[in-house]
Amino acid sequence: MAPFAMVYGEVLSPEVTGVEVTWDNGASLRDQPTQGLFGVAINDQVMPCALKVLGEDDTVLDEISLRSPNQVCPES
């Protein structure tokens, strides 16, 4: 089985229209919540750096660091 990484969770606000995860290899992936849940997976051995909570018109409502100690992440 190939390595992969995943970030998932629950969305508590109806204002949230999407989430975007940035990984330490520079990739960025999005998901739209379905029934209050989201999940973003990447087929690579990477670590997540940040999660952006998006609203209407891709407005950033919040940004949450997922960075581990000593992890090198791309600049946002």
N, C-alpha and C. Protein backbone atom coordinates (compact mmCIF):
# COMPACT_ATOMS: atom_id res chain seq x y z
N MET A 1 0.84 -1.18 0.00
CA MET A 1 0.00 0.00 0.00
C MET A 1 0.89 1.24 0.00
N ALA A 2 0.54 2.19 -0.86
CA ALA A 2 1.29 3.45 -0.95
C ALA A 2 1.00 4.32 0.26
N PRO A 3 1.99 5.12 0.69
CA PRO A 3 1.75 6.01 1.83
C PRO A 3 0.75 7.10 1.47
N PHE A 4 -0.01 7.53 2.47
CA PHE A 4 -0.93 8.64 2.26
C PHE A 4 -1.09 9.39 3.57
N ALA A 5 -1.63 10.58 3.49
CA ALA A 5 -1.91 11.40 4.66
C ALA A 5 -3.34 11.91 4.54
N MET A 6 -3.98 12.12 5.69
CA MET A 6 -5.38 12.54 5.68
C MET A 6 -5.66 13.53 6.82
N VAL A 7 -6.49 14.51 6.53
CA VAL A 7 -7.01 15.43 7.53
C VAL A 7 -8.52 15.39 7.40
N TYR A 8 -9.22 15.21 8.51
CA TYR A 8 -10.68 15.15 8.46
C TYR A 8 -11.25 15.79 9.71
N GLY A 9 -12.53 16.13 9.65
CA GLY A 9 -13.14 16.74 10.82
C GLY A 9 -14.59 17.11 10.59
N GLU A 10 -15.10 17.86 11.55
CA GLU A 10 -16.49 18.28 11.56
C GLU A 10 -16.58 19.79 11.42
N VAL A 11 -17.52 20.26 10.65
CA VAL A 11 -17.77 21.69 10.47
C VAL A 11 -18.99 22.04 11.31
N LEU A 12 -18.85 23.04 12.17
CA LEU A 12 -19.92 23.40 13.10
C LEU A 12 -20.74 24.61 12.66
N SER A 13 -20.31 25.30 11.63
CA SER A 13 -21.02 26.51 11.20
C SER A 13 -21.54 26.37 9.77
N PRO A 14 -22.78 26.78 9.54
CA PRO A 14 -23.32 26.74 8.17
C PRO A 14 -22.66 27.76 7.24
N GLU A 15 -21.89 28.71 7.80
CA GLU A 15 -21.17 29.69 6.99
C GLU A 15 -20.01 29.07 6.23
N VAL A 16 -19.53 27.91 6.69
CA VAL A 16 -18.37 27.26 6.08
C VAL A 16 -18.79 26.56 4.79
N THR A 17 -18.15 26.95 3.69
CA THR A 17 -18.45 26.33 2.39
C THR A 17 -17.34 25.41 1.92
N GLY A 18 -16.18 25.45 2.59
CA GLY A 18 -15.07 24.59 2.19
C GLY A 18 -13.93 24.67 3.18
N VAL A 19 -13.02 23.72 3.04
CA VAL A 19 -11.77 23.72 3.80
C VAL A 19 -10.63 23.47 2.82
N GLU A 20 -9.48 24.02 3.14
CA GLU A 20 -8.30 23.84 2.29
C GLU A 20 -7.13 23.45 3.19
N VAL A 21 -6.46 22.36 2.85
CA VAL A 21 -5.31 21.89 3.62
C VAL A 21 -4.05 22.12 2.79
N THR A 22 -3.04 22.72 3.40
CA THR A 22 -1.73 22.90 2.78
C THR A 22 -0.77 21.89 3.41
N TRP A 23 -0.03 21.20 2.56
CA TRP A 23 0.89 20.14 3.00
C TRP A 23 2.32 20.64 2.93
N ASP A 24 3.25 19.93 3.62
CA ASP A 24 4.63 20.38 3.66
C ASP A 24 5.38 20.24 2.33
N ASN A 25 4.79 19.58 1.34
CA ASN A 25 5.41 19.51 0.02
C ASN A 25 4.92 20.64 -0.89
N GLY A 26 4.08 21.55 -0.34
CA GLY A 26 3.56 22.69 -1.09
C GLY A 26 2.21 22.45 -1.72
N ALA A 27 1.73 21.22 -1.74
CA ALA A 27 0.41 20.91 -2.31
C ALA A 27 -0.68 21.52 -1.45
N SER A 28 -1.79 21.83 -2.09
CA SER A 28 -2.95 22.39 -1.40
C SER A 28 -4.19 21.71 -1.96
N LEU A 29 -5.01 21.13 -1.09
CA LEU A 29 -6.21 20.41 -1.51
C LEU A 29 -7.43 20.93 -0.76
N ARG A 30 -8.59 20.92 -1.43
CA ARG A 30 -9.83 21.43 -0.84
C ARG A 30 -10.91 20.35 -0.77
N ASP A 31 -11.85 20.58 0.13
CA ASP A 31 -13.04 19.74 0.21
C ASP A 31 -14.21 20.62 0.62
N GLN A 32 -15.40 20.25 0.17
CA GLN A 32 -16.63 20.91 0.59
C GLN A 32 -17.30 20.01 1.62
N PRO A 33 -17.66 20.55 2.76
CA PRO A 33 -18.31 19.73 3.79
C PRO A 33 -19.61 19.11 3.28
N THR A 34 -19.82 17.87 3.65
CA THR A 34 -21.06 17.15 3.34
C THR A 34 -21.65 16.68 4.66
N GLN A 35 -22.85 17.09 4.96
CA GLN A 35 -23.52 16.76 6.21
C GLN A 35 -22.63 17.08 7.42
N GLY A 36 -21.90 18.21 7.31
CA GLY A 36 -21.09 18.69 8.42
C GLY A 36 -19.72 18.04 8.55
N LEU A 37 -19.33 17.20 7.60
CA LEU A 37 -18.03 16.51 7.69
C LEU A 37 -17.17 16.83 6.47
N PHE A 38 -15.85 16.82 6.67
CA PHE A 38 -14.92 17.00 5.56
C PHE A 38 -13.77 16.01 5.70
N GLY A 39 -13.11 15.75 4.59
CA GLY A 39 -11.93 14.89 4.59
C GLY A 39 -11.07 15.21 3.38
N VAL A 40 -9.78 15.38 3.62
CA VAL A 40 -8.83 15.66 2.55
C VAL A 40 -7.70 14.65 2.67
N ALA A 41 -7.44 13.93 1.58
CA ALA A 41 -6.37 12.92 1.59
C ALA A 41 -5.43 13.18 0.42
N ILE A 42 -4.16 12.84 0.62
CA ILE A 42 -3.15 12.99 -0.42
C ILE A 42 -2.33 11.71 -0.48
N ASN A 43 -2.05 11.27 -1.69
CA ASN A 43 -1.31 10.04 -1.90
C ASN A 43 0.20 10.32 -1.88
N ASP A 44 0.70 10.57 -0.70
CA ASP A 44 2.12 10.92 -0.54
C ASP A 44 2.47 10.84 0.94
N GLN A 45 3.75 10.74 1.23
CA GLN A 45 4.19 10.70 2.62
C GLN A 45 4.55 12.12 3.06
N VAL A 46 3.52 12.87 3.42
CA VAL A 46 3.67 14.28 3.79
C VAL A 46 2.93 14.54 5.09
N MET A 47 3.14 15.74 5.61
CA MET A 47 2.46 16.17 6.84
C MET A 47 1.68 17.45 6.54
N PRO A 48 0.51 17.62 7.17
CA PRO A 48 -0.25 18.86 6.96
C PRO A 48 0.41 20.03 7.68
N CYS A 49 0.30 21.20 7.08
CA CYS A 49 0.85 22.42 7.68
C CYS A 49 -0.24 23.36 8.20
N ALA A 50 -1.31 23.51 7.41
CA ALA A 50 -2.35 24.47 7.77
C ALA A 50 -3.69 24.05 7.19
N LEU A 51 -4.74 24.49 7.87
CA LEU A 51 -6.10 24.27 7.41
C LEU A 51 -6.79 25.62 7.35
N LYS A 52 -7.28 25.97 6.17
CA LYS A 52 -8.05 27.21 6.01
C LYS A 52 -9.53 26.85 6.00
N VAL A 53 -10.30 27.60 6.75
CA VAL A 53 -11.76 27.46 6.78
C VAL A 53 -12.31 28.53 5.86
N LEU A 54 -13.04 28.11 4.83
CA LEU A 54 -13.49 29.03 3.78
C LEU A 54 -14.99 29.28 3.84
N GLY A 55 -15.36 30.51 3.51
CA GLY A 55 -16.76 30.88 3.43
C GLY A 55 -17.13 31.22 1.99
N GLU A 56 -18.23 31.92 1.85
CA GLU A 56 -18.71 32.33 0.53
C GLU A 56 -17.62 33.06 -0.23
N ASP A 57 -17.52 32.81 -1.54
CA ASP A 57 -16.52 33.43 -2.41
C ASP A 57 -15.09 33.17 -1.95
N ASP A 58 -14.86 32.04 -1.32
CA ASP A 58 -13.53 31.62 -0.83
C ASP A 58 -12.92 32.58 0.19
N THR A 59 -13.77 33.31 0.89
CA THR A 59 -13.29 34.17 1.97
C THR A 59 -12.72 33.29 3.08
N VAL A 60 -11.52 33.62 3.56
CA VAL A 60 -10.90 32.86 4.64
C VAL A 60 -11.54 33.29 5.96
N LEU A 61 -12.28 32.38 6.58
CA LEU A 61 -12.93 32.66 7.87
C LEU A 61 -11.98 32.41 9.03
N ASP A 62 -11.08 31.45 8.87
CA ASP A 62 -10.12 31.11 9.92
C ASP A 62 -8.99 30.31 9.30
N GLU A 63 -7.82 30.35 9.91
CA GLU A 63 -6.69 29.52 9.49
C GLU A 63 -6.10 28.88 10.73
N ILE A 64 -5.97 27.56 10.68
CA ILE A 64 -5.52 26.79 11.83
C ILE A 64 -4.19 26.12 11.48
N SER A 65 -3.19 26.32 12.31
CA SER A 65 -1.90 25.66 12.09
C SER A 65 -2.00 24.19 12.49
N LEU A 66 -1.52 23.33 11.61
CA LEU A 66 -1.45 21.89 11.89
C LEU A 66 0.00 21.45 11.96
N ARG A 67 0.88 22.40 12.01
CA ARG A 67 2.32 22.18 11.96
C ARG A 67 2.84 21.48 13.21
N SER A 68 3.69 20.49 12.99
CA SER A 68 4.36 19.79 14.09
C SER A 68 5.63 20.55 14.46
N PRO A 69 6.14 20.36 15.70
CA PRO A 69 7.39 21.01 16.06
C PRO A 69 8.51 20.61 15.09
N ASN A 70 9.32 21.57 14.69
CA ASN A 70 10.45 21.37 13.79
C ASN A 70 10.05 21.02 12.36
N GLN A 71 8.77 21.09 12.03
CA GLN A 71 8.32 20.80 10.67
C GLN A 71 8.56 22.00 9.78
N VAL A 72 9.09 21.78 8.60
CA VAL A 72 9.32 22.85 7.63
C VAL A 72 8.10 22.92 6.71
N CYS A 73 7.48 24.09 6.68
CA CYS A 73 6.28 24.29 5.85
C CYS A 73 6.52 25.46 4.90
N PRO A 74 5.85 25.41 3.73
CA PRO A 74 5.97 26.55 2.81
C PRO A 74 5.33 27.79 3.41
N GLU A 75 5.80 28.94 2.98
CA GLU A 75 5.21 30.20 3.45
C GLU A 75 3.80 30.32 2.88
N SER A 76 2.86 30.83 3.70
CA SER A 76 1.49 31.00 3.19
C SER A 76 1.36 32.27 2.43
